[in-house]
C-alpha cells in the first residue's frame, strides 16, 4: 500500500478513537451476559448510577460475572458515565439479542448485537445461501433472516429515528462480535439508507456478509463507515468462502502489533482464507480484548 494511501486511512481512523473502539468492545462483551447474569431494572439509571448502587448495596460481588467482566462493567461506568440502556430486544423466535444505548455525554447512540451462542444462532450462521437486497446486491440469507424476522429490523430503525429526533447531534455506532459483527455490518448498511446521519460500524471477528455488488455498494455509501477488527488467525473471518467479500477498513490484530489496510487493496489471494485463518482460539472475545489493550493507534 502506498504511503499516501496509508496516511489517508490513518487520518480516517482518527475520526473514531481507539478509546471509543475499546468501549464498543466492552459492551459487545457484556451483551452476552445481559438479561442472564445482570439487568438494569430502572432504565432511567445511568451505567454509573447502576454500578454505584450495586457497590453501595454490596450486590456487585454477587453478580454472576467473571472478575474480568466485572472489571469491564466498572470501566464502562467510568468511561461512559452518562450511558443508559434505551431498549433491549430479546426475540424468542430468532434468538436475536440486541441492545440500544445512548450517552448524552458522548453524544452517541450505540446498537450492540450479541454474537453466536445458541443452536438457533448457528442455524442462521449456516444458512449460506444469498438473499437479494436490491439490484445485484445479495447478502447472507441467515444473517438477513435473523435481522428482519418478527419486525426486529423495523423496531431498531424506528428506535434510532426516535433517538435522533430527540438528539439530532448524536452519532450512531453499531457494533458486535462474531455473528453480532455480521449483523452490525448488515444493519449498518441498511440503516444508512434510511437516515442521513453518519453511521459508524465497528465489528469484531465478523464473517463475510455479501457478494461483490454488496461490497461495492457498501463502500460507495457516503454516510457509512466500517472499521472491521480481526485477529490475524481468526478462523471465523475466513467464512463464508465462495463469492463472499469483506467490507470496510480492516484493523488486523496480532501480539503487540496491528496491520491497517483496506480490504482487497494489498492482500494476497490466500489472506483471510482457511490457509491463514485457521485458529478457533483467536475468535474468542477475551483475546480480542487483550490485543485491543496491547495495541493502540
C-alpha atoms as a PDB file:
ATOM      1  CA  UNK A   1       0.000   0.000   0.000  1.00  0.00           C
ATOM      2  CA  UNK A   2       1.350   3.459  -0.835  1.00  0.00           C
ATOM      3  CA  UNK A   3       2.362   5.836   1.972  1.00  0.00           C
ATOM      4  CA  UNK A   4      -0.256   8.283   0.718  1.00  0.00           C
ATOM      5  CA  UNK A   5      -2.986   5.638   0.953  1.00  0.00           C
ATOM      6  CA  UNK A   6      -1.843   4.568   4.427  1.00  0.00           C
ATOM      7  CA  UNK A   7      -1.870   8.170   5.639  1.00  0.00           C
ATOM      8  CA  UNK A   8      -5.378   8.612   4.238  1.00  0.00           C
ATOM      9  CA  UNK A   9      -6.663   5.563   6.111  1.00  0.00           C
ATOM     10  CA  UNK A  10      -4.879   6.565   9.319  1.00  0.00           C
ATOM     11  CA  UNK A  11      -6.422  10.019   9.020  1.00  0.00           C
ATOM     12  CA  UNK A  12      -9.828   8.388   8.570  1.00  0.00           C
ATOM     13  CA  UNK A  13      -9.313   6.175  11.608  1.00  0.00           C
ATOM     14  CA  UNK A  14      -8.699   9.209  13.796  1.00  0.00           C
ATOM     15  CA  UNK A  15     -12.381  10.075  13.326  1.00  0.00           C
ATOM     16  CA  UNK A  16     -13.073   7.315  15.833  1.00  0.00           C
ATOM     17  CA  UNK A  17     -10.560   6.890  18.617  1.00  0.00           C
ATOM     18  CA  UNK A  18      -9.001   3.689  19.871  1.00  0.00           C
ATOM     19  CA  UNK A  19     -10.580   4.586  23.218  1.00  0.00           C
ATOM     20  CA  UNK A  20     -14.068   4.574  21.642  1.00  0.00           C
ATOM     21  CA  UNK A  21     -13.427   1.263  19.881  1.00  0.00           C
ATOM     22  CA  UNK A  22     -12.353  -0.260  23.180  1.00  0.00           C
ATOM     23  CA  UNK A  23     -15.562   0.976  24.814  1.00  0.00           C
ATOM     24  CA  UNK A  24     -17.551  -0.651  21.997  1.00  0.00           C
ATOM     25  CA  UNK A  25     -15.707  -3.929  22.500  1.00  0.00           C
ATOM     26  CA  UNK A  26     -16.535  -3.770  26.201  1.00  0.00           C
ATOM     27  CA  UNK A  27     -20.274  -3.514  25.521  1.00  0.00           C
ATOM     28  CA  UNK A  28     -20.096  -6.379  22.996  1.00  0.00           C
ATOM     29  CA  UNK A  29     -18.545  -8.400  25.788  1.00  0.00           C
ATOM     30  CA  UNK A  30     -21.336  -7.621  28.243  1.00  0.00           C
ATOM     31  CA  UNK A  31     -24.238  -8.126  25.847  1.00  0.00           C
ATOM     32  CA  UNK A  32     -23.549 -11.877  26.151  1.00  0.00           C
ATOM     33  CA  UNK A  33     -24.445 -11.629  29.862  1.00  0.00           C
ATOM     34  CA  UNK A  34     -27.239  -9.094  29.792  1.00  0.00           C
ATOM     35  CA  UNK A  35     -30.582 -10.487  30.906  1.00  0.00           C
ATOM     36  CA  UNK A  36     -28.959 -13.656  32.244  1.00  0.00           C
ATOM     37  CA  UNK A  37     -26.325 -12.554  34.719  1.00  0.00           C
ATOM     38  CA  UNK A  38     -27.269  -8.927  35.285  1.00  0.00           C
ATOM     39  CA  UNK A  39     -30.004  -6.498  34.291  1.00  0.00           C
ATOM     40  CA  UNK A  40     -30.718  -2.794  34.642  1.00  0.00           C
ATOM     41  CA  UNK A  41     -34.053  -2.546  36.462  1.00  0.00           C
ATOM     42  CA  UNK A  42     -34.587   1.197  36.088  1.00  0.00           C
ATOM     43  CA  UNK A  43     -33.937   2.397  32.528  1.00  0.00           C
ATOM     44  CA  UNK A  44     -33.613   5.961  33.799  1.00  0.00           C
ATOM     45  CA  UNK A  45     -30.439   4.948  35.616  1.00  0.00           C
ATOM     46  CA  UNK A  46     -27.105   5.704  34.024  1.00  0.00           C
ATOM     47  CA  UNK A  47     -24.494   2.969  33.977  1.00  0.00           C
ATOM     48  CA  UNK A  48     -22.581   4.961  36.611  1.00  0.00           C
ATOM     49  CA  UNK A  49     -25.636   5.005  38.899  1.00  0.00           C
ATOM     50  CA  UNK A  50     -26.324   1.316  38.279  1.00  0.00           C
ATOM     51  CA  UNK A  51     -22.785   0.221  39.202  1.00  0.00           C
ATOM     52  CA  UNK A  52     -22.558   2.620  42.171  1.00  0.00           C
ATOM     53  CA  UNK A  53     -25.803   1.322  43.674  1.00  0.00           C
ATOM     54  CA  UNK A  54     -24.669  -2.282  43.277  1.00  0.00           C
ATOM     55  CA  UNK A  55     -21.413  -1.469  45.041  1.00  0.00           C
ATOM     56  CA  UNK A  56     -23.068   0.540  47.818  1.00  0.00           C
ATOM     57  CA  UNK A  57     -25.606  -2.235  48.462  1.00  0.00           C
ATOM     58  CA  UNK A  58     -22.857  -4.895  48.445  1.00  0.00           C
ATOM     59  CA  UNK A  59     -24.511  -6.614  45.487  1.00  0.00           C
ATOM     60  CA  UNK A  60     -21.730  -6.075  42.948  1.00  0.00           C
ATOM     61  CA  UNK A  61     -19.656  -9.055  44.090  1.00  0.00           C
ATOM     62  CA  UNK A  62     -22.758 -11.250  43.904  1.00  0.00           C
ATOM     63  CA  UNK A  63     -23.169 -10.685  40.160  1.00  0.00           C
ATOM     64  CA  UNK A  64     -22.790 -13.900  38.178  1.00  0.00           C
ATOM     65  CA  UNK A  65     -19.947 -12.440  36.151  1.00  0.00           C
ATOM     66  CA  UNK A  66     -16.286 -13.346  35.910  1.00  0.00           C
ATOM     67  CA  UNK A  67     -13.845 -10.953  37.564  1.00  0.00           C
ATOM     68  CA  UNK A  68     -12.715  -9.715  34.152  1.00  0.00           C
ATOM     69  CA  UNK A  69     -16.285  -8.892  33.128  1.00  0.00           C
ATOM     70  CA  UNK A  70     -16.938  -7.126  36.424  1.00  0.00           C
ATOM     71  CA  UNK A  71     -13.843  -5.038  35.698  1.00  0.00           C
ATOM     72  CA  UNK A  72     -15.206  -4.257  32.231  1.00  0.00           C
ATOM     73  CA  UNK A  73     -18.554  -3.176  33.714  1.00  0.00           C
ATOM     74  CA  UNK A  74     -16.719  -0.790  36.050  1.00  0.00           C
ATOM     75  CA  UNK A  75     -14.600   0.541  33.181  1.00  0.00           C
ATOM     76  CA  UNK A  76     -17.716   1.283  31.122  1.00  0.00           C
ATOM     77  CA  UNK A  77     -19.219   3.132  34.088  1.00  0.00           C
ATOM     78  CA  UNK A  78     -16.031   5.193  34.399  1.00  0.00           C
ATOM     79  CA  UNK A  79     -15.576   5.896  30.672  1.00  0.00           C
ATOM     80  CA  UNK A  80     -19.223   6.418  29.689  1.00  0.00           C
ATOM     81  CA  UNK A  81     -20.864   7.515  32.962  1.00  0.00           C
ATOM     82  CA  UNK A  82     -23.932   9.019  31.250  1.00  0.00           C
ATOM     83  CA  UNK A  83     -24.640   5.833  29.293  1.00  0.00           C
ATOM     84  CA  UNK A  84     -28.186   4.493  29.530  1.00  0.00           C
ATOM     85  CA  UNK A  85     -29.908   1.426  28.157  1.00  0.00           C
ATOM     86  CA  UNK A  86     -32.600   2.789  25.851  1.00  0.00           C
ATOM     87  CA  UNK A  87     -34.011  -0.518  24.625  1.00  0.00           C
ATOM     88  CA  UNK A  88     -33.160  -4.209  24.709  1.00  0.00           C
ATOM     89  CA  UNK A  89     -34.695  -6.622  22.203  1.00  0.00           C
ATOM     90  CA  UNK A  90     -34.738 -10.324  23.009  1.00  0.00           C
ATOM     91  CA  UNK A  91     -36.626 -12.116  20.264  1.00  0.00           C
ATOM     92  CA  UNK A  92     -37.585 -15.643  21.301  1.00  0.00           C
ATOM     93  CA  UNK A  93     -38.310 -16.819  17.734  1.00  0.00           C
ATOM     94  CA  UNK A  94     -34.953 -15.928  16.150  1.00  0.00           C
ATOM     95  CA  UNK A  95     -32.961 -15.780  19.409  1.00  0.00           C
ATOM     96  CA  UNK A  96     -31.564 -12.399  18.452  1.00  0.00           C
ATOM     97  CA  UNK A  97     -30.443 -10.139  21.282  1.00  0.00           C
ATOM     98  CA  UNK A  98     -29.639  -6.514  20.584  1.00  0.00           C
ATOM     99  CA  UNK A  99     -29.328  -3.526  22.862  1.00  0.00           C
ATOM    100  CA  UNK A 100     -29.651   0.169  22.073  1.00  0.00           C
ATOM    101  CA  UNK A 101     -27.831   2.543  24.415  1.00  0.00           C
ATOM    102  CA  UNK A 102     -27.447   6.309  24.494  1.00  0.00           C
ATOM    103  CA  UNK A 103     -24.898   8.611  26.074  1.00  0.00           C
ATOM    104  CA  UNK A 104     -25.609  12.313  26.327  1.00  0.00           C
ATOM    105  CA  UNK A 105     -22.048  12.935  27.460  1.00  0.00           C
ATOM    106  CA  UNK A 106     -20.543  11.182  24.423  1.00  0.00           C
ATOM    107  CA  UNK A 107     -23.395  12.323  22.147  1.00  0.00           C
ATOM    108  CA  UNK A 108     -23.889   8.901  20.652  1.00  0.00           C
ATOM    109  CA  UNK A 109     -26.415   6.144  20.190  1.00  0.00           C
ATOM    110  CA  UNK A 110     -24.980   2.636  20.142  1.00  0.00           C
ATOM    111  CA  UNK A 111     -26.569  -0.530  18.788  1.00  0.00           C
ATOM    112  CA  UNK A 112     -24.970  -3.726  20.137  1.00  0.00           C
ATOM    113  CA  UNK A 113     -25.668  -7.165  18.660  1.00  0.00           C
ATOM    114  CA  UNK A 114     -24.915 -10.341  20.584  1.00  0.00           C
ATOM    115  CA  UNK A 115     -22.815 -12.993  18.833  1.00  0.00           C
ATOM    116  CA  UNK A 116     -23.365 -16.714  18.295  1.00  0.00           C
ATOM    117  CA  UNK A 117     -24.345 -18.513  21.469  1.00  0.00           C
ATOM    118  CA  UNK A 118     -27.260 -20.859  20.882  1.00  0.00           C
ATOM    119  CA  UNK A 119     -28.225 -23.583  18.420  1.00  0.00           C
ATOM    120  CA  UNK A 120     -30.619 -21.104  16.805  1.00  0.00           C
ATOM    121  CA  UNK A 121     -27.707 -18.729  16.180  1.00  0.00           C
ATOM    122  CA  UNK A 122     -25.720 -21.467  14.484  1.00  0.00           C
ATOM    123  CA  UNK A 123     -28.764 -22.329  12.392  1.00  0.00           C
ATOM    124  CA  UNK A 124     -28.738 -18.814  10.940  1.00  0.00           C
ATOM    125  CA  UNK A 125     -24.930 -18.814  10.666  1.00  0.00           C
ATOM    126  CA  UNK A 126     -25.023 -21.886   8.468  1.00  0.00           C
ATOM    127  CA  UNK A 127     -27.683 -20.585   6.057  1.00  0.00           C
ATOM    128  CA  UNK A 128     -25.093 -19.595   3.453  1.00  0.00           C
ATOM    129  CA  UNK A 129     -27.439 -19.048   0.506  1.00  0.00           C
ATOM    130  CA  UNK A 130     -27.827 -15.424  -0.502  1.00  0.00           C
ATOM    131  CA  UNK A 131     -30.787 -13.094  -0.219  1.00  0.00           C
ATOM    132  CA  UNK A 132     -31.223 -10.336  -2.805  1.00  0.00           C
ATOM    133  CA  UNK A 133     -31.477  -6.930  -1.129  1.00  0.00           C
ATOM    134  CA  UNK A 134     -31.771  -4.831  -4.287  1.00  0.00           C
ATOM    135  CA  UNK A 135     -30.317  -4.720  -7.801  1.00  0.00           C
ATOM    136  CA  UNK A 136     -27.422  -7.210  -7.757  1.00  0.00           C
ATOM    137  CA  UNK A 137     -26.695  -6.705  -4.059  1.00  0.00           C
ATOM    138  CA  UNK A 138     -27.011 -10.045  -2.260  1.00  0.00           C
ATOM    139  CA  UNK A 139     -26.284 -10.914   1.367  1.00  0.00           C
ATOM    140  CA  UNK A 140     -26.107 -13.987   3.594  1.00  0.00           C
ATOM    141  CA  UNK A 141     -29.705 -15.211   3.912  1.00  0.00           C
ATOM    142  CA  UNK A 142     -29.259 -16.397   7.509  1.00  0.00           C
ATOM    143  CA  UNK A 143     -27.991 -13.036   8.736  1.00  0.00           C
ATOM    144  CA  UNK A 144     -30.725 -11.220   6.820  1.00  0.00           C
ATOM    145  CA  UNK A 145     -33.457 -13.511   8.136  1.00  0.00           C
ATOM    146  CA  UNK A 146     -32.370 -13.212  11.772  1.00  0.00           C
ATOM    147  CA  UNK A 147     -32.183  -9.423  11.487  1.00  0.00           C
ATOM    148  CA  UNK A 148     -35.549  -8.917   9.801  1.00  0.00           C
ATOM    149  CA  UNK A 149     -37.838 -11.665  11.153  1.00  0.00           C
ATOM    150  CA  UNK A 150     -40.550 -10.632  13.625  1.00  0.00           C
ATOM    151  CA  UNK A 151     -40.020  -6.955  12.692  1.00  0.00           C
ATOM    152  CA  UNK A 152     -36.731  -6.687  14.628  1.00  0.00           C
ATOM    153  CA  UNK A 153     -35.159  -4.541  11.902  1.00  0.00           C
ATOM    154  CA  UNK A 154     -38.182  -2.231  11.726  1.00  0.00           C
ATOM    155  CA  UNK A 155     -38.188  -1.838  15.506  1.00  0.00           C
ATOM    156  CA  UNK A 156     -34.493  -0.956  15.540  1.00  0.00           C
ATOM    157  CA  UNK A 157     -34.827   1.623  12.745  1.00  0.00           C
ATOM    158  CA  UNK A 158     -37.827   3.192  14.474  1.00  0.00           C
ATOM    159  CA  UNK A 159     -35.873   3.349  17.738  1.00  0.00           C
ATOM    160  CA  UNK A 160     -32.842   5.017  16.134  1.00  0.00           C
ATOM    161  CA  UNK A 161     -35.033   7.555  14.323  1.00  0.00           C
ATOM    162  CA  UNK A 162     -36.781   8.411  17.582  1.00  0.00           C
ATOM    163  CA  UNK A 163     -33.432   8.921  19.334  1.00  0.00           C
ATOM    164  CA  UNK A 164     -32.196  11.174  16.528  1.00  0.00           C
ATOM    165  CA  UNK A 165     -35.381  13.234  16.712  1.00  0.00           C
ATOM    166  CA  UNK A 166     -34.631  13.824  20.392  1.00  0.00           C
ATOM    167  CA  UNK A 167     -30.865  14.218  19.904  1.00  0.00           C
ATOM    168  CA  UNK A 168     -30.136  15.355  16.354  1.00  0.00           C
ATOM    169  CA  UNK A 169     -26.435  15.892  17.142  1.00  0.00           C
ATOM    170  CA  UNK A 170     -25.837  12.248  18.122  1.00  0.00           C
ATOM    171  CA  UNK A 171     -23.555   9.931  16.157  1.00  0.00           C
ATOM    172  CA  UNK A 172     -24.777   6.386  15.506  1.00  0.00           C
ATOM    173  CA  UNK A 173     -22.435   3.492  16.296  1.00  0.00           C
ATOM    174  CA  UNK A 174     -23.213  -0.154  15.601  1.00  0.00           C
ATOM    175  CA  UNK A 175     -21.121  -2.992  16.954  1.00  0.00           C
ATOM    176  CA  UNK A 176     -20.982  -6.697  17.699  1.00  0.00           C
ATOM    177  CA  UNK A 177     -18.695  -9.721  17.910  1.00  0.00           C
ATOM    178  CA  UNK A 178     -18.841 -12.804  15.641  1.00  0.00           C
ATOM    179  CA  UNK A 179     -22.438 -13.213  14.423  1.00  0.00           C
ATOM    180  CA  UNK A 180     -23.035  -9.864  16.124  1.00  0.00           C
ATOM    181  CA  UNK A 181     -20.327  -8.377  13.908  1.00  0.00           C
ATOM    182  CA  UNK A 182     -22.045  -9.671  10.789  1.00  0.00           C
ATOM    183  CA  UNK A 183     -25.440  -8.385  11.949  1.00  0.00           C
ATOM    184  CA  UNK A 184     -23.954  -4.988  12.822  1.00  0.00           C
ATOM    185  CA  UNK A 185     -22.395  -4.729   9.352  1.00  0.00           C
ATOM    186  CA  UNK A 186     -25.637  -5.642   7.607  1.00  0.00           C
ATOM    187  CA  UNK A 187     -27.765  -3.420   9.826  1.00  0.00           C
ATOM    188  CA  UNK A 188     -25.354  -0.513   9.405  1.00  0.00           C
ATOM    189  CA  UNK A 189     -25.660  -0.727   5.630  1.00  0.00           C
ATOM    190  CA  UNK A 190     -29.446  -0.947   5.662  1.00  0.00           C
ATOM    191  CA  UNK A 191     -29.780   1.815   8.277  1.00  0.00           C
ATOM    192  CA  UNK A 192     -27.526   4.171   6.296  1.00  0.00           C
ATOM    193  CA  UNK A 193     -30.116   4.105   3.521  1.00  0.00           C
ATOM    194  CA  UNK A 194     -32.880   5.039   5.987  1.00  0.00           C
ATOM    195  CA  UNK A 195     -31.251   8.041   7.685  1.00  0.00           C
ATOM    196  CA  UNK A 196     -28.977  10.911   6.681  1.00  0.00           C
ATOM    197  CA  UNK A 197     -26.844  10.851   9.833  1.00  0.00           C
ATOM    198  CA  UNK A 198     -23.416   9.267   9.727  1.00  0.00           C
ATOM    199  CA  UNK A 199     -23.393   5.595  10.635  1.00  0.00           C
ATOM    200  CA  UNK A 200     -20.207   4.055  12.031  1.00  0.00           C
ATOM    201  CA  UNK A 201     -19.915   0.284  12.241  1.00  0.00           C
ATOM    202  CA  UNK A 202     -17.194  -1.253  14.403  1.00  0.00           C
ATOM    203  CA  UNK A 203     -17.302  -5.018  14.054  1.00  0.00           C
ATOM    204  CA  UNK A 204     -15.179  -7.631  15.813  1.00  0.00           C
ATOM    205  CA  UNK A 205     -14.443 -11.117  14.454  1.00  0.00           C
ATOM    206  CA  UNK A 206     -17.052 -10.804  11.714  1.00  0.00           C
ATOM    207  CA  UNK A 207     -17.559 -13.367   8.974  1.00  0.00           C
ATOM    208  CA  UNK A 208     -18.207 -12.141   5.416  1.00  0.00           C
ATOM    209  CA  UNK A 209     -21.702 -10.848   4.717  1.00  0.00           C
ATOM    210  CA  UNK A 210     -22.378 -10.413   0.992  1.00  0.00           C
ATOM    211  CA  UNK A 211     -21.349 -10.617  -2.649  1.00  0.00           C
ATOM    212  CA  UNK A 212     -19.105  -8.258  -4.637  1.00  0.00           C
ATOM    213  CA  UNK A 213     -22.016  -5.984  -5.576  1.00  0.00           C
ATOM    214  CA  UNK A 214     -22.728  -5.705  -1.835  1.00  0.00           C
ATOM    215  CA  UNK A 215     -19.097  -4.747  -1.191  1.00  0.00           C
ATOM    216  CA  UNK A 216     -19.158  -2.103  -3.919  1.00  0.00           C
ATOM    217  CA  UNK A 217     -22.485  -0.635  -2.795  1.00  0.00           C
ATOM    218  CA  UNK A 218     -21.444  -0.674   0.877  1.00  0.00           C
ATOM    219  CA  UNK A 219     -18.218   1.214   0.243  1.00  0.00           C
ATOM    220  CA  UNK A 220     -19.947   3.767  -2.001  1.00  0.00           C
ATOM    221  CA  UNK A 221     -22.461   4.695   0.714  1.00  0.00           C
ATOM    222  CA  UNK A 222     -21.422   8.229   1.704  1.00  0.00           C
ATOM    223  CA  UNK A 223     -22.761   8.295   5.283  1.00  0.00           C
ATOM    224  CA  UNK A 224     -21.412   4.849   6.203  1.00  0.00           C
ATOM    225  CA  UNK A 225     -18.020   3.869   7.624  1.00  0.00           C
ATOM    226  CA  UNK A 226     -16.948   0.422   8.731  1.00  0.00           C
ATOM    227  CA  UNK A 227     -13.954  -0.451  10.914  1.00  0.00           C
ATOM    228  CA  UNK A 228     -13.537  -4.224  10.867  1.00  0.00           C
ATOM    229  CA  UNK A 229     -11.370  -5.506  13.717  1.00  0.00           C
ATOM    230  CA  UNK A 230      -9.985  -9.004  13.212  1.00  0.00           C
ATOM    231  CA  UNK A 231      -7.423 -11.244  14.868  1.00  0.00           C
ATOM    232  CA  UNK A 232      -4.846 -12.381  12.333  1.00  0.00           C
ATOM    233  CA  UNK A 233      -5.630 -16.126  12.523  1.00  0.00           C
ATOM    234  CA  UNK A 234      -9.330 -15.959  13.469  1.00  0.00           C
ATOM    235  CA  UNK A 235     -10.969 -18.826  11.580  1.00  0.00           C
ATOM    236  CA  UNK A 236     -14.452 -17.271  11.546  1.00  0.00           C
ATOM    237  CA  UNK A 237     -13.220 -14.317   9.463  1.00  0.00           C
ATOM    238  CA  UNK A 238     -12.416 -16.768   6.629  1.00  0.00           C
ATOM    239  CA  UNK A 239     -16.071 -17.729   6.119  1.00  0.00           C
ATOM    240  CA  UNK A 240     -18.281 -17.931   4.110  1.00  0.00           C
ATOM    241  CA  UNK A 241     -15.716 -18.667   1.405  1.00  0.00           C
ATOM    242  CA  UNK A 242     -17.317 -18.752  -2.042  1.00  0.00           C
ATOM    243  CA  UNK A 243     -18.179 -15.381  -3.589  1.00  0.00           C
ATOM    244  CA  UNK A 244     -18.479 -13.574  -0.262  1.00  0.00           C
ATOM    245  CA  UNK A 245     -16.486 -10.418   0.460  1.00  0.00           C
ATOM    246  CA  UNK A 246     -15.375  -8.394   3.460  1.00  0.00           C
ATOM    247  CA  UNK A 247     -16.061  -4.652   3.540  1.00  0.00           C
ATOM    248  CA  UNK A 248     -14.584  -1.585   5.172  1.00  0.00           C
ATOM    249  CA  UNK A 249     -11.262  -0.632   6.729  1.00  0.00           C
ATOM    250  CA  UNK A 250      -9.600  -3.646   8.329  1.00  0.00           C
ATOM    251  CA  UNK A 251      -7.557  -3.425  11.525  1.00  0.00           C
ATOM    252  CA  UNK A 252      -5.842  -6.779  11.871  1.00  0.00           C
ATOM    253  CA  UNK A 253      -4.521  -7.577  15.353  1.00  0.00           C
ATOM    254  CA  UNK A 254      -1.740  -9.872  16.442  1.00  0.00           C
ATOM    255  CA  UNK A 255       0.503  -9.969  19.516  1.00  0.00           C
ATOM    256  CA  UNK A 256       1.874  -6.487  20.167  1.00  0.00           C
ATOM    257  CA  UNK A 257       1.234  -5.140  16.672  1.00  0.00           C
ATOM    258  CA  UNK A 258      -1.518  -4.328  14.227  1.00  0.00           C
ATOM    259  CA  UNK A 259      -1.894  -4.003  10.468  1.00  0.00           C
ATOM    260  CA  UNK A 260      -4.103  -1.351   8.937  1.00  0.00           C
ATOM    261  CA  UNK A 261      -5.468  -1.846   5.427  1.00  0.00           C
ATOM    262  CA  UNK A 262      -8.433  -1.523   3.153  1.00  0.00           C
ATOM    263  CA  UNK A 263      -9.843  -4.921   2.197  1.00  0.00           C
ATOM    264  CA  UNK A 264      -8.625  -6.249  -1.149  1.00  0.00           C
ATOM    265  CA  UNK A 265      -6.193  -3.352  -1.596  1.00  0.00           C
ATOM    266  CA  UNK A 266      -2.977  -5.025  -0.527  1.00  0.00           C
ATOM    267  CA  UNK A 267      -3.781  -8.640   0.224  1.00  0.00           C
ATOM    268  CA  UNK A 268      -2.665 -11.876  -1.336  1.00  0.00           C
ATOM    269  CA  UNK A 269      -5.318 -14.256  -2.615  1.00  0.00           C
ATOM    270  CA  UNK A 270      -4.812 -16.582   0.331  1.00  0.00           C
ATOM    271  CA  UNK A 271      -5.144 -13.944   3.047  1.00  0.00           C
ATOM    272  CA  UNK A 272      -8.267 -14.331   5.201  1.00  0.00           C
ATOM    273  CA  UNK A 273      -8.821 -17.842   3.919  1.00  0.00           C
ATOM    274  CA  UNK A 274      -8.506 -21.074   5.888  1.00  0.00           C
ATOM    275  CA  UNK A 275      -4.867 -21.243   4.732  1.00  0.00           C
ATOM    276  CA  UNK A 276      -4.018 -18.319   7.016  1.00  0.00           C
ATOM    277  CA  UNK A 277      -7.088 -18.029   9.287  1.00  0.00           C
ATOM    278  CA  UNK A 278      -7.259 -21.449  10.883  1.00  0.00           C
ATOM    279  CA  UNK A 279      -7.266 -20.855  14.647  1.00  0.00           C
ATOM    280  CA  UNK A 280     -10.611 -21.043  16.530  1.00  0.00           C
ATOM    281  CA  UNK A 281      -8.899 -19.775  19.715  1.00  0.00           C
ATOM    282  CA  UNK A 282      -8.283 -16.418  18.023  1.00  0.00           C
ATOM    283  CA  UNK A 283     -12.039 -15.932  17.716  1.00  0.00           C
ATOM    284  CA  UNK A 284     -12.591 -15.572  21.462  1.00  0.00           C
ATOM    285  CA  UNK A 285     -13.657 -12.189  22.799  1.00  0.00           C
ATOM    286  CA  UNK A 286     -11.007 -12.400  25.536  1.00  0.00           C
ATOM    287  CA  UNK A 287      -8.154 -12.420  23.014  1.00  0.00           C
ATOM    288  CA  UNK A 288      -9.700  -9.521  21.082  1.00  0.00           C
ATOM    289  CA  UNK A 289      -9.878  -7.552  24.310  1.00  0.00           C
ATOM    290  CA  UNK A 290      -6.283  -8.360  25.240  1.00  0.00           C
ATOM    291  CA  UNK A 291      -4.955  -7.379  21.812  1.00  0.00           C
ATOM    292  CA  UNK A 292      -7.034  -4.222  21.682  1.00  0.00           C
ATOM    293  CA  UNK A 293      -5.483  -3.226  25.009  1.00  0.00           C
ATOM    294  CA  UNK A 294      -1.983  -4.162  23.826  1.00  0.00           C
ATOM    295  CA  UNK A 295      -2.290  -2.204  20.565  1.00  0.00           C
ATOM    296  CA  UNK A 296      -3.144   1.468  20.287  1.00  0.00           C
ATOM    297  CA  UNK A 297      -3.300   3.848  17.338  1.00  0.00           C
END
